[in-house]
Each structure stands twice: as structure tokens, then as C-alpha cells.
Amino acid sequence: MRNAFETYHPVVNFAFFCMVIGMGIFLIHPVFLGVGTLGALTYGIISAGKSAAKFSLCFLLPVVAVVTVVNPLVNHRGNTVLFYTEYSQITLEATVYGLLAGLMIASVMMWFYCYNRVMTSDKFIYLFGRIIPATSLVFSMVLRFVPNFRSRIRKVSDAQKCAGGAAGDTGLKSRLRRGARIMSAMFTWSLENSIDTADSMKARGYGIEGRTSFSIFKMESRDVTVFIIMGAGCAAVLAGIAAGSCSVEFYPDIIMAPLDGWGIAAYAAYGIICFMPAIIQIGEAASWKRSQLKN
């Protein structure tokens, strides 16, 4: 089944990622980080499947482990000493803070991973093409450059293997020579592609005053509804923070604000925001099943 959240208006997609990434960076809180990490992993698996799970296990999990271990080794603040090493003391507060910092980094990276799959170049140009046309175009081209370059490297390498170019690659010197041939072909291909792109942009009137742009995006009632829900959720989170119900201190002791109505509302609102793509996906799946049963 398709990723339902991708079909929403670019304003909704961009606002969502701004919210979850911004709050994920600044809200160093156990509940917020736990909910945000679960939401990012859930949406990553929904949008990318096994590749997202592999990315989490092979890259994000080691990042969390390294930050969790390194922070108490360099930060000795805290009253609760777990044990002593030869050169320092390891405290519970520094360990917990390191774990939360690792979760913050992992969740933000996963959100950016999802962002790259949802916010395509045409969506980005639609949002910022009239405000910063040159910058938005360059940014979208840069985002496409790395995956395109990797894909072309694989094609050139496979073509050389089929032509027998890799038959004698047994030593380091021969491998370096083959790599140089691949890079030479890649640079030639990239230069030719840049010339074709420039000619195409000139033929389509890029930069001419009064030139209009075509887009297939249209704000619908569902987009407005989701945007309002996210805005209300963000307001509830900010209200909970302003009321002091979501505060936490790590040094010298871990002290969290007591749970009250403002805190519950803020945590629930943040959960709704982070799991919004999953909720939309579940609703899309249920709607699809109902349509199949009717038929």
C-alpha cells in the first residue's frame, strides 16, 4: 500500500517535519524523546520498510550506544554515583542524560530520513520557488545529486563487469585503475547531464520575467483538518511547557515535574503529532478494506 501521508499537501508535510524535528531537538525530556523516537521509527518502517529497520539497527542504535557511553565518561556531574573508574566517577544522571541525548540524535536523524522520502524536489520547489527561486532550485538539485551519483556508479560498474572489465581485479593496483575508470566515466556523464539540464531549462523559459509554474498540489479539506490538528497539538505542547508541567532537571539530581492535567495534555498532543502519519496510514488501510468489501 502507498504511503498515505506523502499524498498530502506539501505545506502539511513540511509543517509536520518542522514540528517534529524542532521539538525533537529542543525538548530533552524522557517522555517527549521516547514518544518521538517511537513515532519516527514507526513512520520510517511505514515509508521505507526493511531499509528503515536496517538503517535503525546498523546506524542509529550504535549512535545511541556510543553517546550513552561517552557522556558519563566525560561528564562527571550528578550525585548518584554508579561506580568509580581509575580516572573518574560514573553517575546515573550523566548516563541518563547521555541516553536521552543519543535518542534525540537518533530520532532527529530518522525524521530527516523520512523527510527525504516525503519532501521531494517538486514539493520543495512548490513551497519556496517563488520566495527563493534560485536557492530552492539549487537545494533540490543538491539533494538529488548524491542518490543519482550512486545509482550511476552502480550502472557504470555493472556495465564494466558485463564487458569483462573486472576480470583481472585481483590486486590493489588493478582495483584502483578500475575505480579511476569508473570515476572518469562518472564525471563525463555528470558534465553531459549538466549541459542537458541547462539547455532544457533555457528552452522552458527559466528565469524569464512573468513565467508561470505548473503544480499538481491543491489544498483539500483533509489537509486543512490535519494542519489544524497539528497546530492545536503544538499549542498544547507549548502550553504544557509554559505551565512548567514538562520541566525536567538532570543535575545534580534527576527531578521531573509532577504529572498534572497540563502535562498529560502536552504528552498526548505530542504523541498525536508524532504518530499522525501512522494514524493516517491506518485510516487509509481501513478505508481501502471497506471499499474492497463493498466491491
C-alpha atoms as a PDB file:
ATOM      1  CA  MET A   1       0.000   0.000   0.000  1.00  0.00           C
ATOM      2  CA  ARG A   2       1.170   3.538  -0.773  1.00  0.00           C
ATOM      3  CA  ASN A   3       2.429   5.908   1.891  1.00  0.00           C
ATOM      4  CA  ALA A   4      -0.732   7.912   2.562  1.00  0.00           C
ATOM      5  CA  PHE A   5       0.995  10.860   4.225  1.00  0.00           C
ATOM      6  CA  GLU A   6       3.018  11.511   1.068  1.00  0.00           C
ATOM      7  CA  THR A   7      -0.201  12.352  -0.790  1.00  0.00           C
ATOM      8  CA  TYR A   8      -0.995  15.293   1.496  1.00  0.00           C
ATOM      9  CA  HIS A   9      -0.272  18.887   0.571  1.00  0.00           C
ATOM     10  CA  PRO A  10       3.406  19.950   0.739  1.00  0.00           C
ATOM     11  CA  VAL A  11       2.539  22.633   3.318  1.00  0.00           C
ATOM     12  CA  VAL A  12       1.218  19.916   5.647  1.00  0.00           C
ATOM     13  CA  ASN A  13       4.253  17.669   5.044  1.00  0.00           C
ATOM     14  CA  PHE A  14       6.757  20.461   5.600  1.00  0.00           C
ATOM     15  CA  ALA A  15       4.962  21.803   8.691  1.00  0.00           C
ATOM     16  CA  PHE A  16       4.881  18.312  10.196  1.00  0.00           C
ATOM     17  CA  PHE A  17       8.619  17.757   9.795  1.00  0.00           C
ATOM     18  CA  CYS A  18       9.410  21.233  11.092  1.00  0.00           C
ATOM     19  CA  MET A  19       7.369  20.469  14.219  1.00  0.00           C
ATOM     20  CA  VAL A  20       8.759  17.006  14.986  1.00  0.00           C
ATOM     21  CA  ILE A  21      12.369  17.901  14.165  1.00  0.00           C
ATOM     22  CA  GLY A  22      12.255  21.232  16.017  1.00  0.00           C
ATOM     23  CA  MET A  23      10.611  19.813  19.127  1.00  0.00           C
ATOM     24  CA  GLY A  24      12.809  16.721  18.940  1.00  0.00           C
ATOM     25  CA  ILE A  25      15.925  18.881  19.146  1.00  0.00           C
ATOM     26  CA  PHE A  26      14.857  21.243  21.926  1.00  0.00           C
ATOM     27  CA  LEU A  27      12.707  19.000  24.158  1.00  0.00           C
ATOM     28  CA  ILE A  28      15.259  16.942  26.099  1.00  0.00           C
ATOM     29  CA  HIS A  29      12.646  15.133  28.146  1.00  0.00           C
ATOM     30  CA  PRO A  30      12.232  11.360  28.694  1.00  0.00           C
ATOM     31  CA  VAL A  31       8.576  11.260  27.648  1.00  0.00           C
ATOM     32  CA  PHE A  32       8.954  13.518  24.624  1.00  0.00           C
ATOM     33  CA  LEU A  33      12.064  11.721  23.393  1.00  0.00           C
ATOM     34  CA  GLY A  34      10.550   8.278  23.922  1.00  0.00           C
ATOM     35  CA  VAL A  35       7.372   9.195  22.050  1.00  0.00           C
ATOM     36  CA  GLY A  36       9.308  10.986  19.314  1.00  0.00           C
ATOM     37  CA  THR A  37      11.686   8.072  18.768  1.00  0.00           C
ATOM     38  CA  LEU A  38       8.838   5.559  18.552  1.00  0.00           C
ATOM     39  CA  GLY A  39       6.956   7.832  16.181  1.00  0.00           C
ATOM     40  CA  ALA A  40       9.991   8.278  13.937  1.00  0.00           C
ATOM     41  CA  LEU A  41      10.719   4.532  13.840  1.00  0.00           C
ATOM     42  CA  THR A  42       7.069   3.746  13.116  1.00  0.00           C
ATOM     43  CA  TYR A  43       6.855   6.171  10.238  1.00  0.00           C
ATOM     44  CA  GLY A  44      10.264   5.094   8.935  1.00  0.00           C
ATOM     45  CA  ILE A  45       9.109   1.483   8.740  1.00  0.00           C
ATOM     46  CA  ILE A  46       5.824   2.563   7.133  1.00  0.00           C
ATOM     47  CA  SER A  47       7.574   4.644   4.471  1.00  0.00           C
ATOM     48  CA  ALA A  48      10.696   2.549   3.808  1.00  0.00           C
ATOM     49  CA  GLY A  49      10.067  -0.895   5.298  1.00  0.00           C
ATOM     50  CA  LYS A  50      13.139  -3.087   5.762  1.00  0.00           C
ATOM     51  CA  SER A  51      15.592  -0.386   4.696  1.00  0.00           C
ATOM     52  CA  ALA A  52      14.440   1.833   7.585  1.00  0.00           C
ATOM     53  CA  ALA A  53      14.764  -1.046  10.041  1.00  0.00           C
ATOM     54  CA  LYS A  54      18.251  -1.784   8.707  1.00  0.00           C
ATOM     55  CA  PHE A  55      19.195   1.894   8.980  1.00  0.00           C
ATOM     56  CA  SER A  56      17.996   1.929  12.604  1.00  0.00           C
ATOM     57  CA  LEU A  57      19.846  -1.222  13.643  1.00  0.00           C
ATOM     58  CA  CYS A  58      23.085  -0.617  11.760  1.00  0.00           C
ATOM     59  CA  PHE A  59      23.479   3.137  12.280  1.00  0.00           C
ATOM     60  CA  LEU A  60      21.085   4.702  14.793  1.00  0.00           C
ATOM     61  CA  LEU A  61      21.387   2.061  17.503  1.00  0.00           C
ATOM     62  CA  PRO A  62      25.211   2.334  17.593  1.00  0.00           C
ATOM     63  CA  VAL A  63      24.870   6.138  17.756  1.00  0.00           C
ATOM     64  CA  VAL A  64      22.646   5.850  20.830  1.00  0.00           C
ATOM     65  CA  ALA A  65      25.034   3.365  22.436  1.00  0.00           C
ATOM     66  CA  VAL A  66      28.119   5.491  21.796  1.00  0.00           C
ATOM     67  CA  VAL A  67      26.573   8.708  23.131  1.00  0.00           C
ATOM     68  CA  THR A  68      25.218   6.866  26.187  1.00  0.00           C
ATOM     69  CA  VAL A  69      28.677   5.500  26.998  1.00  0.00           C
ATOM     70  CA  VAL A  70      30.747   8.577  26.161  1.00  0.00           C
ATOM     71  CA  ASN A  71      28.717  11.187  28.072  1.00  0.00           C
ATOM     72  CA  PRO A  72      29.264   9.769  31.590  1.00  0.00           C
ATOM     73  CA  LEU A  73      32.940   9.297  30.780  1.00  0.00           C
ATOM     74  CA  VAL A  74      33.447  12.997  30.047  1.00  0.00           C
ATOM     75  CA  ASN A  75      30.705  14.423  32.266  1.00  0.00           C
ATOM     76  CA  HIS A  76      31.051  13.614  35.962  1.00  0.00           C
ATOM     77  CA  ARG A  77      28.198  15.727  37.295  1.00  0.00           C
ATOM     78  CA  GLY A  78      25.478  14.146  39.397  1.00  0.00           C
ATOM     79  CA  ASN A  79      25.015  12.946  42.956  1.00  0.00           C
ATOM     80  CA  THR A  80      24.158   9.309  42.280  1.00  0.00           C
ATOM     81  CA  VAL A  81      27.468   7.525  41.695  1.00  0.00           C
ATOM     82  CA  LEU A  82      27.104   4.159  39.984  1.00  0.00           C
ATOM     83  CA  PHE A  83      30.755   3.146  40.158  1.00  0.00           C
ATOM     84  CA  TYR A  84      34.256   4.537  40.002  1.00  0.00           C
ATOM     85  CA  THR A  85      36.841   4.105  37.293  1.00  0.00           C
ATOM     86  CA  GLU A  86      40.553   4.731  37.516  1.00  0.00           C
ATOM     87  CA  TYR A  87      40.195   8.321  36.381  1.00  0.00           C
ATOM     88  CA  SER A  88      36.613   9.379  37.087  1.00  0.00           C
ATOM     89  CA  GLN A  89      33.228   8.531  38.519  1.00  0.00           C
ATOM     90  CA  ILE A  90      30.226   7.349  36.533  1.00  0.00           C
ATOM     91  CA  THR A  91      26.968   8.919  37.668  1.00  0.00           C
ATOM     92  CA  LEU A  92      23.395   7.932  36.984  1.00  0.00           C
ATOM     93  CA  GLU A  93      22.450  11.458  35.959  1.00  0.00           C
ATOM     94  CA  ALA A  94      25.161  11.687  33.298  1.00  0.00           C
ATOM     95  CA  THR A  95      24.267   8.232  31.983  1.00  0.00           C
ATOM     96  CA  VAL A  96      20.574   9.059  31.698  1.00  0.00           C
ATOM     97  CA  TYR A  97      21.341  12.364  30.024  1.00  0.00           C
ATOM     98  CA  GLY A  98      23.655  10.592  27.570  1.00  0.00           C
ATOM     99  CA  LEU A  99      20.915   8.088  26.740  1.00  0.00           C
ATOM    100  CA  LEU A 100      18.421  10.879  26.120  1.00  0.00           C
ATOM    101  CA  ALA A 101      20.922  12.802  24.003  1.00  0.00           C
ATOM    102  CA  GLY A 102      21.514   9.666  21.933  1.00  0.00           C
ATOM    103  CA  LEU A 103      17.772   9.177  21.478  1.00  0.00           C
ATOM    104  CA  MET A 104      17.453  12.810  20.428  1.00  0.00           C
ATOM    105  CA  ILE A 105      20.124  12.396  17.750  1.00  0.00           C
ATOM    106  CA  ALA A 106      18.640   9.090  16.548  1.00  0.00           C
ATOM    107  CA  SER A 107      15.064  10.391  16.374  1.00  0.00           C
ATOM    108  CA  VAL A 108      16.069  13.558  14.508  1.00  0.00           C
ATOM    109  CA  MET A 109      18.120  11.558  12.018  1.00  0.00           C
ATOM    110  CA  MET A 110      15.207   9.184  11.457  1.00  0.00           C
ATOM    111  CA  TRP A 111      12.865  12.132  10.899  1.00  0.00           C
ATOM    112  CA  PHE A 112      15.306  13.511   8.334  1.00  0.00           C
ATOM    113  CA  TYR A 113      15.392  10.044   6.750  1.00  0.00           C
ATOM    114  CA  CYS A 114      11.613  10.175   6.408  1.00  0.00           C
ATOM    115  CA  TYR A 115      11.784  13.800   5.239  1.00  0.00           C
ATOM    116  CA  ASN A 116      13.967  12.827   2.290  1.00  0.00           C
ATOM    117  CA  ARG A 117      11.391  10.265   1.208  1.00  0.00           C
ATOM    118  CA  VAL A 118       8.363  12.547   1.555  1.00  0.00           C
ATOM    119  CA  MET A 119       9.599  16.025   0.626  1.00  0.00           C
ATOM    120  CA  THR A 120      10.579  15.508  -2.999  1.00  0.00           C
ATOM    121  CA  SER A 121      12.224  18.200  -5.101  1.00  0.00           C
ATOM    122  CA  ASP A 122       8.953  19.216  -6.760  1.00  0.00           C
ATOM    123  CA  LYS A 123       7.333  19.778  -3.347  1.00  0.00           C
ATOM    124  CA  PHE A 124      10.267  21.846  -2.139  1.00  0.00           C
ATOM    125  CA  ILE A 125      10.259  23.994  -5.274  1.00  0.00           C
ATOM    126  CA  TYR A 126       6.485  24.412  -4.955  1.00  0.00           C
ATOM    127  CA  LEU A 127       6.911  25.764  -1.419  1.00  0.00           C
ATOM    128  CA  PHE A 128       9.901  28.046  -1.947  1.00  0.00           C
ATOM    129  CA  GLY A 129      10.116  28.507  -5.705  1.00  0.00           C
ATOM    130  CA  ARG A 130       8.521  31.956  -5.629  1.00  0.00           C
ATOM    131  CA  ILE A 131      10.238  33.133  -2.454  1.00  0.00           C
ATOM    132  CA  ILE A 132      13.802  31.972  -3.178  1.00  0.00           C
ATOM    133  CA  PRO A 133      13.671  30.510  -6.693  1.00  0.00           C
ATOM    134  CA  ALA A 134      17.408  30.130  -7.324  1.00  0.00           C
ATOM    135  CA  THR A 135      18.189  28.782  -3.842  1.00  0.00           C
ATOM    136  CA  SER A 136      15.300  26.302  -3.882  1.00  0.00           C
ATOM    137  CA  LEU A 137      16.339  25.003  -7.296  1.00  0.00           C
ATOM    138  CA  VAL A 138      19.966  24.569  -6.261  1.00  0.00           C
ATOM    139  CA  PHE A 139      18.941  22.888  -2.996  1.00  0.00           C
ATOM    140  CA  SER A 140      16.639  20.428  -4.764  1.00  0.00           C
ATOM    141  CA  MET A 141      19.382  19.607  -7.279  1.00  0.00           C
ATOM    142  CA  VAL A 142      21.892  19.029  -4.482  1.00  0.00           C
ATOM    143  CA  LEU A 143      19.502  16.660  -2.721  1.00  0.00           C
ATOM    144  CA  ARG A 144      19.116  14.660  -5.937  1.00  0.00           C
ATOM    145  CA  PHE A 145      22.827  14.656  -6.767  1.00  0.00           C
ATOM    146  CA  VAL A 146      24.034  12.071  -4.236  1.00  0.00           C
ATOM    147  CA  PRO A 147      21.408   9.353  -4.913  1.00  0.00           C
ATOM    148  CA  ASN A 148      21.712   9.921  -8.675  1.00  0.00           C
ATOM    149  CA  PHE A 149      25.504   9.727  -8.474  1.00  0.00           C
ATOM    150  CA  ARG A 150      25.354   6.457  -6.528  1.00  0.00           C
ATOM    151  CA  SER A 151      22.855   4.975  -8.965  1.00  0.00           C
ATOM    152  CA  ARG A 152      25.027   5.893 -11.945  1.00  0.00           C
ATOM    153  CA  ILE A 153      28.136   4.456 -10.289  1.00  0.00           C
ATOM    154  CA  ARG A 154      26.336   1.122  -9.944  1.00  0.00           C
ATOM    155  CA  LYS A 155      25.273   1.249 -13.601  1.00  0.00           C
ATOM    156  CA  VAL A 156      28.793   2.014 -14.841  1.00  0.00           C
ATOM    157  CA  SER A 157      30.299  -0.653 -12.584  1.00  0.00           C
ATOM    158  CA  ASP A 158      27.778  -3.271 -13.743  1.00  0.00           C
ATOM    159  CA  ALA A 159      28.407  -2.338 -17.381  1.00  0.00           C
ATOM    160  CA  GLN A 160      32.159  -2.781 -16.930  1.00  0.00           C
ATOM    161  CA  LYS A 161      31.648  -6.130 -15.209  1.00  0.00           C
ATOM    162  CA  CYS A 162      29.453  -7.342 -18.087  1.00  0.00           C
ATOM    163  CA  ALA A 163      32.115  -6.194 -20.569  1.00  0.00           C
ATOM    164  CA  GLY A 164      34.808  -8.094 -18.665  1.00  0.00           C
ATOM    165  CA  GLY A 165      36.430  -5.003 -17.203  1.00  0.00           C
ATOM    166  CA  ALA A 166      36.580  -6.511 -13.708  1.00  0.00           C
ATOM    167  CA  ALA A 167      38.017  -9.864 -14.712  1.00  0.00           C
ATOM    168  CA  GLY A 168      41.567  -9.060 -13.613  1.00  0.00           C
ATOM    169  CA  ASP A 169      40.793  -7.078 -10.455  1.00  0.00           C
ATOM    170  CA  THR A 170      42.792  -9.245  -8.087  1.00  0.00           C
ATOM    171  CA  GLY A 171      45.206  -6.706  -6.690  1.00  0.00           C
ATOM    172  CA  LEU A 172      45.024  -3.233  -5.212  1.00  0.00           C
ATOM    173  CA  LYS A 173      46.600  -1.582  -8.261  1.00  0.00           C
ATOM    174  CA  SER A 174      44.085  -3.093 -10.685  1.00  0.00           C
ATOM    175  CA  ARG A 175      41.177  -2.126  -8.431  1.00  0.00           C
ATOM    176  CA  LEU A 176      42.400   1.441  -8.216  1.00  0.00           C
ATOM    177  CA  ARG A 177      42.744   1.529 -12.002  1.00  0.00           C
ATOM    178  CA  ARG A 178      39.170   0.242 -12.389  1.00  0.00           C
ATOM    179  CA  GLY A 179      37.907   2.785  -9.857  1.00  0.00           C
ATOM    180  CA  ALA A 180      39.633   5.575 -11.793  1.00  0.00           C
ATOM    181  CA  ARG A 181      37.914   4.431 -14.993  1.00  0.00           C
ATOM    182  CA  ILE A 182      34.543   4.467 -13.235  1.00  0.00           C
ATOM    183  CA  MET A 183      35.102   7.963 -11.811  1.00  0.00           C
ATOM    184  CA  SER A 184      36.235   9.235 -15.206  1.00  0.00           C
ATOM    185  CA  ALA A 185      33.036   7.926 -16.786  1.00  0.00           C
ATOM    186  CA  MET A 186      31.008   9.415 -13.935  1.00  0.00           C
ATOM    187  CA  PHE A 187      32.464  12.903 -14.309  1.00  0.00           C
ATOM    188  CA  THR A 188      31.881  12.805 -18.062  1.00  0.00           C
ATOM    189  CA  TRP A 189      28.297  11.647 -17.521  1.00  0.00           C
ATOM    190  CA  SER A 190      27.658  14.361 -14.911  1.00  0.00           C
ATOM    191  CA  LEU A 191      29.044  17.124 -17.138  1.00  0.00           C
ATOM    192  CA  GLU A 192      26.935  15.981 -20.073  1.00  0.00           C
ATOM    193  CA  ASN A 193      23.873  15.833 -17.845  1.00  0.00           C
ATOM    194  CA  SER A 194      24.503  19.367 -16.553  1.00  0.00           C
ATOM    195  CA  ILE A 195      24.669  20.672 -20.136  1.00  0.00           C
ATOM    196  CA  ASP A 196      21.403  18.883 -20.989  1.00  0.00           C
ATOM    197  CA  THR A 197      19.769  20.330 -17.861  1.00  0.00           C
ATOM    198  CA  ALA A 198      20.904  23.862 -18.707  1.00  0.00           C
ATOM    199  CA  ASP A 199      19.606  23.546 -22.293  1.00  0.00           C
ATOM    200  CA  SER A 200      16.296  22.156 -21.047  1.00  0.00           C
ATOM    201  CA  MET A 201      15.871  24.996 -18.520  1.00  0.00           C
ATOM    202  CA  LYS A 202      16.642  27.595 -21.170  1.00  0.00           C
ATOM    203  CA  ALA A 203      14.184  26.026 -23.628  1.00  0.00           C
ATOM    204  CA  ARG A 204      11.450  26.082 -20.978  1.00  0.00           C
ATOM    205  CA  GLY A 205      11.976  29.756 -20.222  1.00  0.00           C
ATOM    206  CA  TYR A 206      13.650  29.535 -16.828  1.00  0.00           C
ATOM    207  CA  GLY A 207      14.373  32.992 -15.448  1.00  0.00           C
ATOM    208  CA  ILE A 208      12.084  34.854 -17.840  1.00  0.00           C
ATOM    209  CA  GLU A 209      10.008  37.533 -16.140  1.00  0.00           C
ATOM    210  CA  GLY A 210       6.333  36.605 -15.822  1.00  0.00           C
ATOM    211  CA  ARG A 211       6.923  32.901 -16.313  1.00  0.00           C
ATOM    212  CA  THR A 212       4.310  30.786 -14.514  1.00  0.00           C
ATOM    213  CA  SER A 213       4.821  27.395 -12.875  1.00  0.00           C
ATOM    214  CA  PHE A 214       2.632  24.330 -13.037  1.00  0.00           C
ATOM    215  CA  SER A 215       1.842  22.310  -9.927  1.00  0.00           C
ATOM    216  CA  ILE A 216      -0.499  19.451  -9.186  1.00  0.00           C
ATOM    217  CA  PHE A 217      -0.880  20.305  -5.499  1.00  0.00           C
ATOM    218  CA  LYS A 218      -4.198  21.540  -4.217  1.00  0.00           C
ATOM    219  CA  MET A 219      -5.209  22.183  -0.630  1.00  0.00           C
ATOM    220  CA  GLU A 220      -8.129  19.935   0.296  1.00  0.00           C
ATOM    221  CA  SER A 221     -10.343  19.658   3.352  1.00  0.00           C
ATOM    222  CA  ARG A 222      -8.314  16.737   4.714  1.00  0.00           C
ATOM    223  CA  ASP A 223      -5.139  18.845   4.507  1.00  0.00           C
ATOM    224  CA  VAL A 224      -6.781  21.680   6.418  1.00  0.00           C
ATOM    225  CA  THR A 225      -8.050  19.243   9.067  1.00  0.00           C
ATOM    226  CA  VAL A 226      -4.627  17.676   9.628  1.00  0.00           C
ATOM    227  CA  PHE A 227      -2.960  21.094   9.675  1.00  0.00           C
ATOM    228  CA  ILE A 228      -5.386  22.347  12.327  1.00  0.00           C
ATOM    229  CA  ILE A 229      -4.853  19.211  14.448  1.00  0.00           C
ATOM    230  CA  MET A 230      -1.074  19.619  14.279  1.00  0.00           C
ATOM    231  CA  GLY A 231      -1.346  23.313  15.129  1.00  0.00           C
ATOM    232  CA  ALA A 232      -3.579  22.590  18.117  1.00  0.00           C
ATOM    233  CA  GLY A 233      -1.210  19.845  19.256  1.00  0.00           C
ATOM    234  CA  CYS A 234       1.777  22.169  19.025  1.00  0.00           C
ATOM    235  CA  ALA A 235      -0.120  24.796  21.020  1.00  0.00           C
ATOM    236  CA  ALA A 236      -0.945  22.201  23.709  1.00  0.00           C
ATOM    237  CA  VAL A 237       2.725  21.203  23.974  1.00  0.00           C
ATOM    238  CA  LEU A 238       3.827  24.821  24.296  1.00  0.00           C
ATOM    239  CA  ALA A 239       1.119  25.442  26.913  1.00  0.00           C
ATOM    240  CA  GLY A 240       2.316  22.472  28.957  1.00  0.00           C
ATOM    241  CA  ILE A 241       5.891  23.739  28.771  1.00  0.00           C
ATOM    242  CA  ALA A 242       4.840  27.269  29.722  1.00  0.00           C
ATOM    243  CA  ALA A 243       2.893  25.910  32.703  1.00  0.00           C
ATOM    244  CA  GLY A 244       6.033  24.148  33.946  1.00  0.00           C
ATOM    245  CA  SER A 245       4.400  20.719  33.774  1.00  0.00           C
ATOM    246  CA  CYS A 246       7.001  19.298  31.369  1.00  0.00           C
ATOM    247  CA  SER A 247      10.155  20.502  33.061  1.00  0.00           C
ATOM    248  CA  VAL A 248      12.996  18.173  33.979  1.00  0.00           C
ATOM    249  CA  GLU A 249      16.358  18.681  35.672  1.00  0.00           C
ATOM    250  CA  PHE A 250      19.262  16.270  35.387  1.00  0.00           C
ATOM    251  CA  TYR A 251      21.925  17.796  37.609  1.00  0.00           C
ATOM    252  CA  PRO A 252      22.709  17.359  40.377  1.00  0.00           C
ATOM    253  CA  ASP A 253      19.653  15.066  40.670  1.00  0.00           C
ATOM    254  CA  ILE A 254      17.013  13.945  38.203  1.00  0.00           C
ATOM    255  CA  ILE A 255      13.848  15.870  39.051  1.00  0.00           C
ATOM    256  CA  MET A 256      10.752  15.761  36.833  1.00  0.00           C
ATOM    257  CA  ALA A 257       7.730  17.965  37.267  1.00  0.00           C
ATOM    258  CA  PRO A 258       4.778  16.113  38.837  1.00  0.00           C
ATOM    259  CA  LEU A 259       2.208  14.844  36.372  1.00  0.00           C
ATOM    260  CA  ASP A 260      -0.866  17.041  36.096  1.00  0.00           C
ATOM    261  CA  GLY A 261      -3.513  17.928  33.547  1.00  0.00           C
ATOM    262  CA  TRP A 262      -1.263  20.252  31.552  1.00  0.00           C
ATOM    263  CA  GLY A 263       1.441  17.619  31.360  1.00  0.00           C
ATOM    264  CA  ILE A 264      -0.944  14.860  30.269  1.00  0.00           C
ATOM    265  CA  ALA A 265      -2.385  17.130  27.584  1.00  0.00           C
ATOM    266  CA  ALA A 266       1.101  18.065  26.338  1.00  0.00           C
ATOM    267  CA  TYR A 267       2.313  14.457  26.195  1.00  0.00           C
ATOM    268  CA  ALA A 268      -0.861  13.285  24.463  1.00  0.00           C
ATOM    269  CA  ALA A 269      -0.730  16.136  21.951  1.00  0.00           C
ATOM    270  CA  TYR A 270       2.906  15.400  21.144  1.00  0.00           C
ATOM    271  CA  GLY A 271       2.068  11.729  20.667  1.00  0.00           C
ATOM    272  CA  ILE A 272      -0.732  12.614  18.250  1.00  0.00           C
ATOM    273  CA  ILE A 273       1.657  14.813  16.245  1.00  0.00           C
ATOM    274  CA  CYS A 274       4.433  12.202  16.071  1.00  0.00           C
ATOM    275  CA  PHE A 275       2.091   9.349  15.189  1.00  0.00           C
ATOM    276  CA  MET A 276      -0.003  11.407  12.768  1.00  0.00           C
ATOM    277  CA  PRO A 277       1.459   9.650   9.662  1.00  0.00           C
ATOM    278  CA  ALA A 278       0.800   6.236  11.238  1.00  0.00           C
ATOM    279  CA  ILE A 279      -2.765   7.261  12.150  1.00  0.00           C
ATOM    280  CA  ILE A 280      -3.345   8.448   8.585  1.00  0.00           C
ATOM    281  CA  GLN A 281      -1.897   5.207   7.231  1.00  0.00           C
ATOM    282  CA  ILE A 282      -4.194   3.108   9.449  1.00  0.00           C
ATOM    283  CA  GLY A 283      -7.193   5.167   8.361  1.00  0.00           C
ATOM    284  CA  GLU A 284      -6.215   4.735   4.709  1.00  0.00           C
ATOM    285  CA  ALA A 285      -5.870   0.974   5.156  1.00  0.00           C
ATOM    286  CA  ALA A 286      -9.260   0.747   6.877  1.00  0.00           C
ATOM    287  CA  SER A 287     -10.881   2.802   4.109  1.00  0.00           C
ATOM    288  CA  TRP A 288      -9.306   0.557   1.494  1.00  0.00           C
ATOM    289  CA  LYS A 289     -10.597  -2.590   3.173  1.00  0.00           C
ATOM    290  CA  ARG A 290     -14.100  -1.131   3.397  1.00  0.00           C
ATOM    291  CA  SER A 291     -14.049  -0.293  -0.303  1.00  0.00           C
ATOM    292  CA  GLN A 292     -12.870  -3.806  -1.117  1.00  0.00           C
ATOM    293  CA  LEU A 293     -15.676  -5.338   0.938  1.00  0.00           C
ATOM    294  CA  LYS A 294     -18.280  -3.205  -0.861  1.00  0.00           C
ATOM    295  CA  ASN A 295     -16.993  -4.379  -4.198  1.00  0.00           C
END
